[in-house]
Amino acid sequence: LLDGPPPSRPLALGLDVRNRDFGV
């Protein structure tokens, strides 16, 4: 996602233990 085209507005990414392949 971050290596793609730059976003036109700021990004907010929600991350928690329910994320697939989540790891600290």
PDB file of all heavy atoms in Angstrom:
ATOM      1  N   LEU A   1       0.831  -1.201   0.000  1.00  0.00           N
ATOM      2  CA  LEU A   1       0.000   0.000   0.000  1.00  0.00           C
ATOM      3  C   LEU A   1       0.869   1.256   0.000  1.00  0.00           C
ATOM      4  O   LEU A   1       0.626   2.201  -0.760  1.00  0.00           O
ATOM      5  CB  LEU A   1      -0.915   0.002   1.230  1.00  0.00           C
ATOM      6  CG  LEU A   1      -1.695   1.286   1.504  1.00  0.00           C
ATOM      7  CD1 LEU A   1      -2.763   1.501   0.439  1.00  0.00           C
ATOM      8  CD2 LEU A   1      -2.345   1.228   2.892  1.00  0.00           C
ATOM      9  N   LEU A   2       1.893   1.265   0.817  1.00  0.00           N
ATOM     10  CA  LEU A   2       2.721   2.459   0.965  1.00  0.00           C
ATOM     11  C   LEU A   2       3.646   2.682  -0.227  1.00  0.00           C
ATOM     12  O   LEU A   2       4.067   3.814  -0.478  1.00  0.00           O
ATOM     13  CB  LEU A   2       3.551   2.355   2.253  1.00  0.00           C
ATOM     14  CG  LEU A   2       2.715   2.261   3.543  1.00  0.00           C
ATOM     15  CD1 LEU A   2       3.619   2.062   4.734  1.00  0.00           C
ATOM     16  CD2 LEU A   2       1.855   3.498   3.712  1.00  0.00           C
ATOM     17  N   ASP A   3       3.964   1.610  -0.961  1.00  0.00           N
ATOM     18  CA  ASP A   3       4.822   1.755  -2.142  1.00  0.00           C
ATOM     19  C   ASP A   3       4.039   2.157  -3.384  1.00  0.00           C
ATOM     20  O   ASP A   3       4.620   2.429  -4.428  1.00  0.00           O
ATOM     21  CB  ASP A   3       5.551   0.433  -2.417  1.00  0.00           C
ATOM     22  CG  ASP A   3       6.629   0.159  -1.381  1.00  0.00           C
ATOM     23  OD1 ASP A   3       7.101   1.138  -0.768  1.00  0.00           O
ATOM     24  OD2 ASP A   3       6.974  -1.014  -1.177  1.00  0.00           O
ATOM     25  N   GLY A   4       2.716   2.210  -3.264  1.00  0.00           N
ATOM     26  CA  GLY A   4       1.884   2.589  -4.389  1.00  0.00           C
ATOM     27  C   GLY A   4       1.852   4.091  -4.583  1.00  0.00           C
ATOM     28  O   GLY A   4       2.638   4.835  -3.988  1.00  0.00           O
ATOM     29  N   PRO A   5       0.931   4.573  -5.414  1.00  0.00           N
ATOM     30  CA  PRO A   5       0.815   6.022  -5.651  1.00  0.00           C
ATOM     31  C   PRO A   5       0.557   6.760  -4.344  1.00  0.00           C
ATOM     32  O   PRO A   5      -0.174   6.247  -3.473  1.00  0.00           O
ATOM     33  CB  PRO A   5      -0.389   6.124  -6.602  1.00  0.00           C
ATOM     34  CG  PRO A   5      -0.513   4.776  -7.222  1.00  0.00           C
ATOM     35  CD  PRO A   5      -0.047   3.794  -6.185  1.00  0.00           C
ATOM     36  N   PRO A   6       1.130   7.935  -4.174  1.00  0.00           N
ATOM     37  CA  PRO A   6       0.925   8.682  -2.930  1.00  0.00           C
ATOM     38  C   PRO A   6      -0.543   9.054  -2.762  1.00  0.00           C
ATOM     39  O   PRO A   6      -1.208   9.450  -3.728  1.00  0.00           O
ATOM     40  CB  PRO A   6       1.799   9.926  -3.103  1.00  0.00           C
ATOM     41  CG  PRO A   6       2.006  10.057  -4.577  1.00  0.00           C
ATOM     42  CD  PRO A   6       2.004   8.669  -5.125  1.00  0.00           C
ATOM     43  N   PRO A   7      -1.084   8.894  -1.558  1.00  0.00           N
ATOM     44  CA  PRO A   7      -2.499   9.217  -1.337  1.00  0.00           C
ATOM     45  C   PRO A   7      -2.745  10.715  -1.440  1.00  0.00           C
ATOM     46  O   PRO A   7      -1.855  11.531  -1.196  1.00  0.00           O
ATOM     47  CB  PRO A   7      -2.758   8.711   0.093  1.00  0.00           C
ATOM     48  CG  PRO A   7      -1.412   8.735   0.749  1.00  0.00           C
ATOM     49  CD  PRO A   7      -0.422   8.426  -0.328  1.00  0.00           C
ATOM     50  N   SER A   8      -3.967  11.053  -1.832  1.00  0.00           N
ATOM     51  CA  SER A   8      -4.321  12.464  -1.980  1.00  0.00           C
ATOM     52  C   SER A   8      -4.639  13.109  -0.641  1.00  0.00           C
ATOM     53  O   SER A   8      -4.741  14.331  -0.548  1.00  0.00           O
ATOM     54  CB  SER A   8      -5.521  12.599  -2.916  1.00  0.00           C
ATOM     55  OG  SER A   8      -6.628  11.870  -2.412  1.00  0.00           O
ATOM     56  N   ARG A   9      -4.812  12.310   0.389  1.00  0.00           N
ATOM     57  CA  ARG A   9      -5.079  12.835   1.724  1.00  0.00           C
ATOM     58  C   ARG A   9      -4.434  11.920   2.752  1.00  0.00           C
ATOM     59  O   ARG A   9      -4.011  10.802   2.427  1.00  0.00           O
ATOM     60  CB  ARG A   9      -6.588  12.952   1.970  1.00  0.00           C
ATOM     61  CG  ARG A   9      -7.383  11.709   1.653  1.00  0.00           C
ATOM     62  CD  ARG A   9      -8.859  12.023   1.601  1.00  0.00           C
ATOM     63  NE  ARG A   9      -9.647  10.866   1.170  1.00  0.00           N
ATOM     64  CZ  ARG A   9     -10.643  10.338   1.866  1.00  0.00           C
ATOM     65  NH1 ARG A   9     -10.972  10.845   3.041  1.00  0.00           N
ATOM     66  NH2 ARG A   9     -11.315   9.301   1.398  1.00  0.00           N
ATOM     67  N   PRO A  10      -4.312  12.360   4.004  1.00  0.00           N
ATOM     68  CA  PRO A  10      -3.641  11.536   5.020  1.00  0.00           C
ATOM     69  C   PRO A  10      -4.340  10.189   5.210  1.00  0.00           C
ATOM     70  O   PRO A  10      -5.554  10.070   5.027  1.00  0.00           O
ATOM     71  CB  PRO A  10      -3.725  12.395   6.283  1.00  0.00           C
ATOM     72  CG  PRO A  10      -3.933  13.784   5.804  1.00  0.00           C
ATOM     73  CD  PRO A  10      -4.718  13.674   4.537  1.00  0.00           C
ATOM     74  N   LEU A  11      -3.543   9.203   5.608  1.00  0.00           N
ATOM     75  CA  LEU A  11      -4.051   7.855   5.843  1.00  0.00           C
ATOM     76  C   LEU A  11      -4.186   7.593   7.340  1.00  0.00           C
ATOM     77  O   LEU A  11      -3.348   8.034   8.137  1.00  0.00           O
ATOM     78  CB  LEU A  11      -3.097   6.813   5.265  1.00  0.00           C
ATOM     79  CG  LEU A  11      -3.131   6.531   3.768  1.00  0.00           C
ATOM     80  CD1 LEU A  11      -1.984   5.585   3.412  1.00  0.00           C
ATOM     81  CD2 LEU A  11      -4.458   5.912   3.362  1.00  0.00           C
ATOM     82  N   ALA A  12      -5.223   6.853   7.718  1.00  0.00           N
ATOM     83  CA  ALA A  12      -5.364   6.345   9.075  1.00  0.00           C
ATOM     84  C   ALA A  12      -5.571   4.840   8.971  1.00  0.00           C
ATOM     85  O   ALA A  12      -6.522   4.380   8.341  1.00  0.00           O
ATOM     86  CB  ALA A  12      -6.539   7.002   9.790  1.00  0.00           C
ATOM     87  N   LEU A  13      -4.661   4.079   9.559  1.00  0.00           N
ATOM     88  CA  LEU A  13      -4.693   2.625   9.451  1.00  0.00           C
ATOM     89  C   LEU A  13      -4.982   2.019  10.822  1.00  0.00           C
ATOM     90  O   LEU A  13      -4.238   2.246  11.775  1.00  0.00           O
ATOM     91  CB  LEU A  13      -3.356   2.100   8.926  1.00  0.00           C
ATOM     92  CG  LEU A  13      -2.876   2.704   7.599  1.00  0.00           C
ATOM     93  CD1 LEU A  13      -1.513   2.130   7.227  1.00  0.00           C
ATOM     94  CD2 LEU A  13      -3.883   2.432   6.485  1.00  0.00           C
ATOM     95  N   GLY A  14      -6.076   1.259  10.910  1.00  0.00           N
ATOM     96  CA  GLY A  14      -6.439   0.607  12.159  1.00  0.00           C
ATOM     97  C   GLY A  14      -5.776  -0.753  12.268  1.00  0.00           C
ATOM     98  O   GLY A  14      -5.933  -1.604  11.390  1.00  0.00           O
ATOM     99  N   LEU A  15      -5.050  -0.960  13.349  1.00  0.00           N
ATOM    100  CA  LEU A  15      -4.284  -2.198  13.548  1.00  0.00           C
ATOM    101  C   LEU A  15      -4.519  -2.719  14.962  1.00  0.00           C
ATOM    102  O   LEU A  15      -4.330  -1.987  15.938  1.00  0.00           O
ATOM    103  CB  LEU A  15      -2.788  -1.949  13.342  1.00  0.00           C
ATOM    104  CG  LEU A  15      -2.365  -1.306  12.006  1.00  0.00           C
ATOM    105  CD1 LEU A  15      -0.926  -0.837  12.077  1.00  0.00           C
ATOM    106  CD2 LEU A  15      -2.556  -2.294  10.862  1.00  0.00           C
ATOM    107  N   ASP A  16      -4.931  -3.983  15.077  1.00  0.00           N
ATOM    108  CA  ASP A  16      -5.036  -4.590  16.407  1.00  0.00           C
ATOM    109  C   ASP A  16      -4.861  -6.095  16.287  1.00  0.00           C
ATOM    110  O   ASP A  16      -4.552  -6.626  15.212  1.00  0.00           O
ATOM    111  CB  ASP A  16      -6.347  -4.209  17.097  1.00  0.00           C
ATOM    112  CG  ASP A  16      -7.586  -4.817  16.435  1.00  0.00           C
ATOM    113  OD1 ASP A  16      -7.424  -5.665  15.524  1.00  0.00           O
ATOM    114  OD2 ASP A  16      -8.706  -4.457  16.826  1.00  0.00           O
ATOM    115  N   VAL A  17      -5.045  -6.791  17.399  1.00  0.00           N
ATOM    116  CA  VAL A  17      -4.742  -8.221  17.432  1.00  0.00           C
ATOM    117  C   VAL A  17      -5.653  -9.027  16.520  1.00  0.00           C
ATOM    118  O   VAL A  17      -5.365 -10.195  16.235  1.00  0.00           O
ATOM    119  CB  VAL A  17      -4.834  -8.765  18.876  1.00  0.00           C
ATOM    120  CG1 VAL A  17      -3.772  -8.129  19.747  1.00  0.00           C
ATOM    121  CG2 VAL A  17      -6.219  -8.544  19.465  1.00  0.00           C
ATOM    122  N   ARG A  18      -6.755  -8.437  16.070  1.00  0.00           N
ATOM    123  CA  ARG A  18      -7.654  -9.167  15.167  1.00  0.00           C
ATOM    124  C   ARG A  18      -7.169  -9.142  13.726  1.00  0.00           C
ATOM    125  O   ARG A  18      -7.688  -9.866  12.881  1.00  0.00           O
ATOM    126  CB  ARG A  18      -9.065  -8.571  15.250  1.00  0.00           C
ATOM    127  CG  ARG A  18      -9.740  -8.747  16.601  1.00  0.00           C
ATOM    128  CD  ARG A  18     -11.015  -7.953  16.675  1.00  0.00           C
ATOM    129  NE  ARG A  18     -10.744  -6.534  16.521  1.00  0.00           N
ATOM    130  CZ  ARG A  18     -11.698  -5.604  16.420  1.00  0.00           C
ATOM    131  NH1 ARG A  18     -12.960  -5.976  16.425  1.00  0.00           N
ATOM    132  NH2 ARG A  18     -11.377  -4.331  16.297  1.00  0.00           N
ATOM    133  N   ASN A  19      -6.180  -8.278  13.446  1.00  0.00           N
ATOM    134  CA  ASN A  19      -5.619  -8.253  12.102  1.00  0.00           C
ATOM    135  C   ASN A  19      -4.994  -9.603  11.757  1.00  0.00           C
ATOM    136  O   ASN A  19      -4.299 -10.207  12.578  1.00  0.00           O
ATOM    137  CB  ASN A  19      -4.522  -7.192  11.984  1.00  0.00           C
ATOM    138  CG  ASN A  19      -5.074  -5.792  11.896  1.00  0.00           C
ATOM    139  OD1 ASN A  19      -5.637  -5.294  12.857  1.00  0.00           O
ATOM    140  ND2 ASN A  19      -4.908  -5.160  10.742  1.00  0.00           N
ATOM    141  N   ARG A  20      -5.227 -10.036  10.518  1.00  0.00           N
ATOM    142  CA  ARG A  20      -4.564 -11.254  10.060  1.00  0.00           C
ATOM    143  C   ARG A  20      -3.068 -11.007  10.045  1.00  0.00           C
ATOM    144  O   ARG A  20      -2.605  -9.952   9.653  1.00  0.00           O
ATOM    145  CB  ARG A  20      -5.069 -11.626   8.660  1.00  0.00           C
ATOM    146  CG  ARG A  20      -4.651 -13.011   8.218  1.00  0.00           C
ATOM    147  CD  ARG A  20      -5.297 -13.338   6.893  1.00  0.00           C
ATOM    148  NE  ARG A  20      -4.756 -12.496   5.815  1.00  0.00           N
ATOM    149  CZ  ARG A  20      -5.285 -12.426   4.600  1.00  0.00           C
ATOM    150  NH1 ARG A  20      -6.397 -13.102   4.337  1.00  0.00           N
ATOM    151  NH2 ARG A  20      -4.736 -11.678   3.671  1.00  0.00           N
ATOM    152  N   ASP A  21      -2.285 -11.935  10.486  1.00  0.00           N
ATOM    153  CA  ASP A  21      -0.824 -11.920  10.591  1.00  0.00           C
ATOM    154  C   ASP A  21      -0.288 -10.791  11.480  1.00  0.00           C
ATOM    155  O   ASP A  21       0.828 -10.323  11.300  1.00  0.00           O
ATOM    156  CB  ASP A  21      -0.148 -11.896   9.211  1.00  0.00           C
ATOM    157  CG  ASP A  21      -0.301 -10.598   8.418  1.00  0.00           C
ATOM    158  OD1 ASP A  21      -0.604  -9.546   9.005  1.00  0.00           O
ATOM    159  OD2 ASP A  21      -0.109 -10.651   7.191  1.00  0.00           O
ATOM    160  N   PHE A  22      -1.122 -10.352  12.457  1.00  0.00           N
ATOM    161  CA  PHE A  22      -0.651  -9.317  13.373  1.00  0.00           C
ATOM    162  C   PHE A  22       0.484  -9.856  14.231  1.00  0.00           C
ATOM    163  O   PHE A  22       0.430 -10.979  14.735  1.00  0.00           O
ATOM    164  CB  PHE A  22      -1.785  -8.842  14.289  1.00  0.00           C
ATOM    165  CG  PHE A  22      -1.363  -7.776  15.265  1.00  0.00           C
ATOM    166  CD1 PHE A  22      -1.387  -6.439  14.908  1.00  0.00           C
ATOM    167  CD2 PHE A  22      -0.929  -8.114  16.539  1.00  0.00           C
ATOM    168  CE1 PHE A  22      -0.998  -5.457  15.803  1.00  0.00           C
ATOM    169  CE2 PHE A  22      -0.539  -7.138  17.440  1.00  0.00           C
ATOM    170  CZ  PHE A  22      -0.569  -5.807  17.066  1.00  0.00           C
ATOM    171  N   GLY A  23       1.508  -9.039  14.403  1.00  0.00           N
ATOM    172  CA  GLY A  23       2.616  -9.376  15.282  1.00  0.00           C
ATOM    173  C   GLY A  23       3.286  -8.104  15.779  1.00  0.00           C
ATOM    174  O   GLY A  23       3.451  -7.147  15.011  1.00  0.00           O
ATOM    175  N   VAL A  24       3.641  -8.055  17.046  1.00  0.00           N
ATOM    176  CA  VAL A  24       4.236  -6.855  17.627  1.00  0.00           C
ATOM    177  C   VAL A  24       5.559  -6.523  16.958  1.00  0.00           C
ATOM    178  O   VAL A  24       5.816  -5.364  16.584  1.00  0.00           O
ATOM    179  CB  VAL A  24       4.410  -7.028  19.144  1.00  0.00           C
ATOM    180  CG1 VAL A  24       5.214  -5.873  19.717  1.00  0.00           C
ATOM    181  CG2 VAL A  24       3.053  -7.110  19.829  1.00  0.00           C
TER     182      VAL A  24
END
